[in-house]
Amino acid sequence: MPLIDGLAAVGLWGSLGLVAHTYVLFPALLGRLAQGRQQNTDVYAPDSPELPRVDVLLAVYNEEQVIEQKIHSTFATTYPPEKLTFYIGSDNSSDRTNALVEQLAREYPRLRFRPFGQRTGKPGVMEALSAEATAPVLVLTDANVFFTPDTLYKLVKHFRNPRVGQVGGNILNPDHRQDGISGQEKAYLERENLIKYQEGVVWGSMIGAFGGCFAVRRACYHPAPRTFIVDDFFISMAVLEDGYQALNELQAVCHEDVSDKLPEEFRRKARISAGNFQNLVAFRRLLWPPWRGVSFAYWSHKVLRWLTPLLLLLMLLCNAVLVLWGGGWFYQLMLAGQLAAPALLLLDAALHRLGVHLRLLRFITHFYSMNGALLLGLGRFLRGVKTTVWEPTQRFQHKR
């Protein structure tokens, strides 16, 4: 029937176009728009007496493997020590985290520690810490993200410009192993860093800082509701909703141990996905009008990517309809490709057992597993988020 064929063709090509836009066309367009443009230049000098006080906030749960290095790297920065205070809240850790922090608090007088007697979830811990903090600039970070000497200054220097409300850091990752997914995760994060930087350059609208390291002006800091899973994205979007600029500073370098095990990364992304859809509902006002800079970036960079698993399923359904209704060889070939691509995950897994690691196959595995996690997270969101407590991702997976 012509009507069914027409609708199926629109669904197929429309879905394909949207997926291509978020993964290929938008990054290419953004790179073109960012050419020749400068990041904010209204910044504090490194030795400026006007550098503001900074409070670093960290929520932890069972981080005994990394907490000592985290504290040492924070106080080893070049930022004026008298203007730096580090607040750590432990969400009822059951390992040696609390004892290690209490021990280091005797070495660092500007370290403030608050242990919680029961699990409350990261948003609850961060809300309590932000209520204690008094500095005009807050730096939010994760336990396994380690600062370099200039990280804090490079973040904070932009707040001399009163229009800047948030500055994200540039998280780099260590060497990776071929037998895991850390290489693909590293490539993904590096691409994301560049996209976020270019969004800030073009529109002053970085769509979501990496939660592991970013600074936010207290005047536009809104703690996430305790029922929200992804608090850092909520804080980022609230900055934009208040009309402030959000930037990504590539020179604010810090280091993070990336995931290497697919099940660990799948679990983490599924959890984040449920939180993404919470934020999509909370900040739906930023989606319109879609031609506005922040709205266009939000749709292109995040929303369409979150909807990609649904678009892939719609493509498959529409392609199957076209083939069943007498579509030509081209649609048959497209359908065969769509069915064969996920099967390559099984091939990658089989080769993995034999010690063979093909980079292209691993990227396909990473892509489909990421979209599977998004779909699972959407299901959890629709059923209702039950808890915001979390388990840390396994650390130092890249080491043997």
Protein backbone atom coordinates (compact mmCIF):
# COMPACT_ATOMS: atom_id res chain seq x y z
CA MET A 1 0.00 0.00 0.00
CA PRO A 2 1.45 3.42 -0.94
CA LEU A 3 0.49 5.02 2.37
CA ILE A 4 2.20 2.33 4.44
CA ASP A 5 5.25 2.38 2.19
CA GLY A 6 5.44 6.15 2.47
CA LEU A 7 5.16 6.20 6.26
CA ALA A 8 7.72 3.41 6.58
CA ALA A 9 10.14 5.23 4.27
CA VAL A 10 9.75 8.45 6.26
CA GLY A 11 10.29 6.56 9.52
CA LEU A 12 13.38 4.77 8.19
CA TRP A 13 15.14 7.73 6.61
CA GLY A 14 14.02 10.18 9.28
CA SER A 15 15.42 7.96 12.07
CA LEU A 16 18.64 7.38 10.15
CA GLY A 17 19.01 11.12 9.58
CA LEU A 18 18.55 11.91 13.28
CA VAL A 19 21.11 9.30 14.36
CA ALA A 20 23.54 10.60 11.73
CA HIS A 21 22.93 14.15 12.94
CA THR A 22 23.79 13.49 16.59
CA TYR A 23 26.85 11.33 15.89
CA VAL A 24 28.28 12.81 12.67
CA LEU A 25 26.65 15.97 11.33
CA PHE A 26 26.40 17.96 14.56
CA PRO A 27 30.06 17.45 15.57
CA ALA A 28 31.14 18.41 12.04
CA LEU A 29 28.95 21.54 12.01
CA LEU A 30 30.11 22.50 15.49
CA GLY A 31 33.75 22.18 14.52
CA ARG A 32 33.15 24.44 11.54
CA LEU A 33 31.35 27.08 13.64
CA ALA A 34 34.10 27.02 16.29
CA GLN A 35 36.90 27.72 13.82
CA GLY A 36 38.61 31.04 14.52
CA ARG A 37 36.65 31.69 17.73
CA GLN A 38 38.23 32.24 21.14
CA GLN A 39 37.34 30.99 24.57
CA ASN A 40 36.47 33.60 27.23
CA THR A 41 39.45 35.96 27.69
CA ASP A 42 38.16 37.90 30.73
CA VAL A 43 40.12 35.84 33.27
CA TYR A 44 42.05 36.20 36.50
CA ALA A 45 45.85 36.24 36.31
CA PRO A 46 47.57 33.34 38.15
CA ASP A 47 48.93 35.66 40.83
CA SER A 48 45.87 37.90 41.10
CA PRO A 49 44.95 38.82 44.70
CA GLU A 50 41.33 38.83 43.53
CA LEU A 51 41.23 35.08 42.95
CA PRO A 52 38.09 33.93 44.80
CA ARG A 53 37.88 31.42 47.61
CA VAL A 54 37.12 27.89 46.43
CA ASP A 55 35.38 25.02 48.20
CA VAL A 56 35.95 21.54 46.72
CA LEU A 57 33.05 19.14 47.33
CA LEU A 58 33.35 15.35 47.17
CA ALA A 59 30.87 12.59 47.98
CA VAL A 60 32.44 9.17 48.52
CA TYR A 61 31.40 5.61 49.18
CA ASN A 62 34.01 2.88 49.75
CA GLU A 63 36.88 4.67 48.01
CA GLU A 64 39.82 3.39 50.09
CA GLN A 65 41.78 2.62 46.91
CA VAL A 66 41.90 6.21 45.72
CA ILE A 67 40.96 8.59 48.53
CA GLU A 68 44.51 9.25 49.75
CA GLN A 69 45.78 10.12 46.28
CA LYS A 70 42.69 12.26 45.73
CA ILE A 71 43.31 14.34 48.84
CA HIS A 72 47.03 14.72 48.18
CA SER A 73 46.46 15.80 44.56
CA THR A 74 43.88 18.38 45.63
CA PHE A 75 46.12 20.12 48.14
CA ALA A 76 49.15 19.85 45.81
CA THR A 77 47.63 22.33 43.31
CA THR A 78 49.05 25.81 42.79
CA TYR A 79 45.85 27.50 43.96
CA PRO A 80 46.46 29.73 47.03
CA PRO A 81 46.12 27.29 49.96
CA GLU A 82 44.50 29.89 52.22
CA LYS A 83 41.67 30.21 49.68
CA LEU A 84 41.03 26.47 49.35
CA THR A 85 38.84 24.24 51.54
CA PHE A 86 38.07 20.59 50.80
CA TYR A 87 34.74 19.13 52.00
CA ILE A 88 34.32 15.35 51.92
CA GLY A 89 31.11 13.54 52.77
CA SER A 90 31.15 9.76 53.22
CA ASP A 91 27.85 8.03 52.39
CA ASN A 92 28.16 5.44 55.18
CA SER A 93 31.31 3.86 53.73
CA SER A 94 31.96 0.36 55.06
CA ASP A 95 35.66 0.06 54.14
CA ARG A 96 38.66 2.10 55.39
CA THR A 97 37.61 5.32 53.62
CA ASN A 98 36.48 7.13 56.78
CA ALA A 99 39.61 6.20 58.76
CA LEU A 100 41.90 7.34 55.94
CA VAL A 101 40.13 10.71 55.58
CA GLU A 102 40.17 11.31 59.33
CA GLN A 103 43.89 10.51 59.38
CA LEU A 104 44.64 12.96 56.56
CA ALA A 105 42.46 15.64 58.16
CA ARG A 106 45.16 15.94 60.83
CA GLU A 107 47.71 16.64 58.08
CA TYR A 108 45.53 19.09 56.14
CA PRO A 109 43.78 21.65 58.41
CA ARG A 110 41.56 22.83 55.55
CA LEU A 111 40.06 19.38 55.04
CA ARG A 112 36.51 19.09 56.38
CA PHE A 113 35.00 15.62 56.82
CA ARG A 114 31.39 14.65 57.36
CA PRO A 115 30.52 10.94 57.73
CA PHE A 116 26.89 9.95 57.19
CA GLY A 117 25.45 7.19 59.36
CA GLN A 118 23.20 5.76 56.66
CA ARG A 119 23.10 5.65 52.84
CA THR A 120 21.48 8.77 51.44
CA GLY A 121 22.73 8.82 47.83
CA LYS A 122 25.12 11.27 46.22
CA PRO A 123 22.61 14.14 45.76
CA GLY A 124 21.83 14.08 49.48
CA VAL A 125 25.52 14.14 50.41
CA MET A 126 26.28 16.97 47.98
CA GLU A 127 23.32 19.00 49.21
CA ALA A 128 24.59 18.75 52.78
CA LEU A 129 28.16 19.67 51.81
CA SER A 130 27.07 22.63 49.68
CA ALA A 131 25.05 23.94 52.63
CA GLU A 132 28.22 23.95 54.75
CA ALA A 133 30.43 25.49 52.06
CA THR A 134 30.70 29.29 51.97
CA ALA A 135 33.05 30.09 49.06
CA PRO A 136 31.78 31.98 45.98
CA VAL A 137 33.09 29.18 43.72
CA LEU A 138 32.41 25.47 44.23
CA VAL A 139 34.41 22.69 42.57
CA LEU A 140 32.62 19.35 42.36
CA THR A 141 34.71 16.25 41.77
CA ASP A 142 34.92 12.46 42.00
CA ALA A 143 37.25 10.36 44.12
CA ASN A 144 39.07 8.77 41.19
CA VAL A 145 39.69 12.05 39.33
CA PHE A 146 43.12 13.44 40.20
CA PHE A 147 44.02 17.10 39.73
CA THR A 148 47.21 18.36 38.11
CA PRO A 149 48.93 21.38 39.71
CA ASP A 150 47.08 23.98 37.57
CA THR A 151 43.64 22.33 37.45
CA LEU A 152 41.90 24.53 40.01
CA TYR A 153 43.35 27.79 38.69
CA LYS A 154 42.44 26.95 35.09
CA LEU A 155 38.85 26.26 36.20
CA VAL A 156 38.44 29.28 38.44
CA LYS A 157 40.14 31.91 36.26
CA HIS A 158 37.02 32.25 34.08
CA PHE A 159 34.84 33.49 36.94
CA ARG A 160 36.27 36.97 36.56
CA ASN A 161 33.70 37.20 33.77
CA PRO A 162 30.36 37.71 35.59
CA ARG A 163 28.47 35.98 32.77
CA VAL A 164 30.26 32.66 33.35
CA GLY A 165 28.41 30.33 35.69
CA GLN A 166 30.16 27.00 35.13
CA VAL A 167 33.51 25.72 33.87
CA GLY A 168 34.19 22.07 33.09
CA GLY A 169 37.52 20.28 33.33
CA ASN A 170 39.36 18.23 30.72
CA ILE A 171 39.50 14.67 32.02
CA LEU A 172 42.24 12.57 30.44
CA ASN A 173 42.58 8.82 30.77
CA PRO A 174 45.56 6.50 31.24
CA ASP A 175 46.87 3.92 28.83
CA HIS A 176 44.40 1.17 28.03
CA ARG A 177 44.44 -2.56 27.37
CA GLN A 178 43.40 -4.09 24.07
CA ASP A 179 41.32 -6.82 25.72
CA GLY A 180 38.85 -4.40 27.35
CA ILE A 181 36.74 -1.42 26.28
CA SER A 182 38.85 1.32 27.86
CA GLY A 183 40.28 2.27 24.46
CA GLN A 184 36.81 2.88 23.07
CA GLU A 185 35.72 4.67 26.25
CA LYS A 186 38.82 6.85 26.11
CA ALA A 187 38.14 7.81 22.49
CA TYR A 188 34.51 8.58 23.33
CA LEU A 189 35.46 10.82 26.28
CA GLU A 190 38.10 12.71 24.28
CA ARG A 191 35.53 13.43 21.56
CA GLU A 192 33.03 14.55 24.20
CA ASN A 193 35.58 16.93 25.72
CA LEU A 194 36.11 18.58 22.35
CA ILE A 195 32.37 18.87 21.66
CA LYS A 196 31.76 20.46 25.06
CA TYR A 197 34.61 22.92 24.49
CA GLN A 198 33.25 23.92 21.08
CA GLU A 199 29.72 24.35 22.45
CA GLY A 200 31.13 26.79 24.99
CA VAL A 201 33.08 28.68 22.33
CA VAL A 202 30.16 28.97 19.91
CA TRP A 203 27.18 29.50 22.22
CA GLY A 204 28.52 29.68 25.78
CA SER A 205 26.36 26.61 26.34
CA MET A 206 28.35 23.50 27.19
CA ILE A 207 25.68 20.81 27.56
CA GLY A 208 26.64 19.12 30.79
CA ALA A 209 30.10 19.18 32.36
CA PHE A 210 31.77 15.90 33.20
CA GLY A 211 30.74 15.22 36.78
CA GLY A 212 34.27 14.23 37.75
CA CYS A 213 35.59 17.79 37.66
CA PHE A 214 33.82 21.11 37.21
CA ALA A 215 33.49 24.49 38.91
CA VAL A 216 30.26 26.40 39.42
CA ARG A 217 29.48 29.89 40.66
CA ARG A 218 27.61 29.69 43.97
CA ALA A 219 25.13 32.32 42.77
CA CYS A 220 23.76 29.90 40.16
CA TYR A 221 24.35 26.63 42.01
CA HIS A 222 21.19 24.57 42.48
CA PRO A 223 21.60 21.21 44.22
CA ALA A 224 19.84 18.34 42.50
CA PRO A 225 16.70 16.93 44.12
CA ARG A 226 17.49 13.91 46.30
CA THR A 227 15.48 11.68 43.97
CA PHE A 228 17.75 12.52 41.00
CA ILE A 229 20.50 10.10 39.99
CA VAL A 230 22.66 12.36 37.78
CA ASP A 231 23.17 15.42 39.97
CA ASP A 232 26.02 16.93 37.92
CA PHE A 233 23.87 17.22 34.78
CA PHE A 234 21.07 18.83 36.80
CA ILE A 235 23.53 21.40 38.17
CA SER A 236 24.88 22.08 34.65
CA MET A 237 21.48 22.62 33.09
CA ALA A 238 20.31 24.80 35.97
CA VAL A 239 23.24 27.13 35.20
CA LEU A 240 22.04 27.50 31.61
CA GLU A 241 18.44 27.90 32.69
CA ASP A 242 19.51 30.80 34.90
CA GLY A 243 21.01 32.49 31.83
CA TYR A 244 24.70 32.03 32.69
CA GLN A 245 27.36 30.72 30.33
CA ALA A 246 28.89 27.26 30.70
CA LEU A 247 32.38 26.61 29.29
CA ASN A 248 34.81 23.71 29.03
CA GLU A 249 38.44 24.55 29.78
CA LEU A 250 40.76 22.12 27.99
CA GLN A 251 43.76 23.32 30.00
CA ALA A 252 42.09 22.33 33.29
CA VAL A 253 43.57 18.85 33.02
CA CYS A 254 42.86 16.04 35.44
CA HIS A 255 43.25 12.27 35.20
CA GLU A 256 40.73 9.48 35.67
CA ASP A 257 40.98 5.71 35.61
CA VAL A 258 38.48 4.67 32.91
CA SER A 259 36.33 1.55 32.84
CA ASP A 260 37.83 -1.47 31.14
CA LYS A 261 35.20 -4.11 31.85
CA LEU A 262 32.08 -4.02 29.69
CA PRO A 263 29.66 -5.18 32.47
CA GLU A 264 30.94 -2.43 34.80
CA GLU A 265 30.53 0.26 32.17
CA PHE A 266 27.12 -1.09 31.15
CA ARG A 267 25.92 -0.93 34.76
CA ARG A 268 27.19 2.62 35.15
CA LYS A 269 25.66 3.85 31.88
CA ALA A 270 22.29 2.23 32.59
CA ARG A 271 22.17 4.04 35.91
CA ILE A 272 23.16 7.34 34.30
CA SER A 273 20.57 6.81 31.55
CA ALA A 274 17.72 6.69 34.04
CA GLY A 275 19.01 9.96 35.48
CA ASN A 276 19.28 11.51 32.02
CA PHE A 277 15.57 11.06 31.43
CA GLN A 278 14.84 12.58 34.83
CA ASN A 279 16.76 15.65 33.70
CA LEU A 280 15.10 15.65 30.29
CA VAL A 281 11.74 16.13 31.98
CA ALA A 282 13.09 18.67 34.48
CA PHE A 283 14.67 20.88 31.80
CA ARG A 284 12.18 20.43 28.97
CA ARG A 285 11.84 24.24 28.81
CA LEU A 286 15.37 24.41 27.37
CA LEU A 287 14.29 22.35 24.36
CA TRP A 288 12.34 25.22 22.79
CA PRO A 289 12.75 27.03 20.50
CA PRO A 290 15.03 24.44 18.87
CA TRP A 291 16.91 26.99 16.75
CA ARG A 292 18.21 28.83 19.85
CA GLY A 293 21.86 27.98 20.54
CA VAL A 294 21.40 26.18 23.87
CA SER A 295 18.31 24.34 22.62
CA PHE A 296 19.94 23.26 19.36
CA ALA A 297 22.98 21.96 21.25
CA TYR A 298 20.80 20.19 23.82
CA TRP A 299 18.76 18.42 21.13
CA SER A 300 21.76 17.61 18.94
CA HIS A 301 24.31 16.59 21.55
CA LYS A 302 22.21 14.89 24.21
CA VAL A 303 18.52 14.31 23.56
CA LEU A 304 18.88 12.62 20.16
CA ARG A 305 21.69 10.48 21.54
CA TRP A 306 19.50 9.38 24.45
CA LEU A 307 16.75 8.52 21.95
CA THR A 308 19.08 6.64 19.58
CA PRO A 309 18.09 3.13 20.80
CA LEU A 310 14.44 3.95 20.02
CA LEU A 311 15.44 5.38 16.66
CA LEU A 312 17.42 2.22 15.85
CA LEU A 313 14.39 0.07 16.69
CA LEU A 314 12.15 2.31 14.58
CA MET A 315 14.60 2.03 11.67
CA LEU A 316 14.52 -1.76 11.97
CA LEU A 317 10.71 -1.89 12.09
CA CYS A 318 10.24 0.48 9.14
CA ASN A 319 12.87 -1.33 7.09
CA ALA A 320 11.15 -4.68 7.78
CA VAL A 321 7.80 -3.21 6.67
CA LEU A 322 9.32 -1.94 3.43
CA VAL A 323 10.83 -5.35 2.69
CA LEU A 324 7.60 -7.19 3.48
CA TRP A 325 5.64 -4.82 1.23
CA GLY A 326 7.86 -5.53 -1.73
CA GLY A 327 10.79 -3.15 -1.19
CA GLY A 328 13.67 -3.56 -3.60
CA TRP A 329 17.11 -5.06 -3.09
CA PHE A 330 18.44 -1.89 -1.46
CA TYR A 331 16.01 -2.13 1.46
CA GLN A 332 16.71 -5.85 1.73
CA LEU A 333 20.44 -5.09 1.97
CA MET A 334 19.81 -2.41 4.61
CA LEU A 335 17.73 -4.83 6.67
CA ALA A 336 20.41 -7.49 6.45
CA GLY A 337 22.98 -4.95 7.65
CA GLN A 338 20.81 -3.88 10.58
CA LEU A 339 20.31 -7.48 11.67
CA ALA A 340 23.96 -8.41 11.17
CA ALA A 341 25.50 -5.48 13.06
CA PRO A 342 24.36 -6.54 16.56
CA ALA A 343 25.46 -10.10 15.74
CA LEU A 344 29.00 -8.76 15.49
CA LEU A 345 28.90 -8.43 19.29
CA LEU A 346 28.85 -12.23 19.48
CA LEU A 347 31.79 -12.40 17.07
CA ASP A 348 33.74 -9.89 19.16
CA ALA A 349 33.00 -11.91 22.32
CA ALA A 350 34.12 -15.14 20.65
CA LEU A 351 37.35 -13.59 19.39
CA HIS A 352 37.92 -12.07 22.83
CA ARG A 353 37.94 -15.57 24.31
CA LEU A 354 40.58 -16.55 21.76
CA GLY A 355 42.73 -13.54 22.63
CA VAL A 356 41.97 -11.72 19.37
CA HIS A 357 41.02 -8.05 19.73
CA LEU A 358 39.87 -6.10 16.67
CA ARG A 359 39.46 -2.38 17.26
CA LEU A 360 36.54 -1.92 14.84
CA LEU A 361 34.58 -4.80 16.36
CA ARG A 362 35.21 -3.42 19.83
CA PHE A 363 33.81 -0.03 18.75
CA ILE A 364 30.66 -1.78 17.47
CA THR A 365 30.36 -3.61 20.79
CA HIS A 366 30.79 -0.32 22.65
CA PHE A 367 28.15 1.42 20.52
CA TYR A 368 25.47 -1.24 20.89
CA SER A 369 26.17 -1.87 24.57
CA MET A 370 25.92 1.88 25.23
CA ASN A 371 22.56 2.01 23.46
CA GLY A 372 21.40 -1.11 25.28
CA ALA A 373 22.23 0.63 28.56
CA LEU A 374 20.28 3.70 27.42
CA LEU A 375 17.25 1.53 26.67
CA LEU A 376 17.50 -0.21 30.04
CA GLY A 377 17.82 3.14 31.79
CA LEU A 378 14.72 4.43 29.99
CA GLY A 379 12.80 1.42 31.27
CA ARG A 380 13.95 2.08 34.83
CA PHE A 381 12.94 5.72 34.53
CA LEU A 382 9.45 4.81 33.26
CA ARG A 383 9.00 2.37 36.15
CA GLY A 384 10.14 5.01 38.62
CA VAL A 385 13.59 5.51 40.17
CA LYS A 386 13.68 3.64 43.46
CA THR A 387 17.00 4.75 44.94
CA THR A 388 19.91 7.13 44.35
CA VAL A 389 22.52 5.18 46.34
CA TRP A 390 25.41 3.99 44.21
CA GLU A 391 28.32 1.58 44.04
CA PRO A 392 31.66 2.94 42.74
CA THR A 393 32.95 1.58 39.44
CA GLN A 394 35.83 -0.88 39.91
CA ARG A 395 39.10 1.03 40.06
CA PHE A 396 42.40 0.46 38.26
CA GLN A 397 40.89 -2.05 35.84
CA HIS A 398 43.57 -1.28 33.26
CA LYS A 399 46.30 -2.66 35.52
CA ARG A 400 47.16 -6.31 35.64
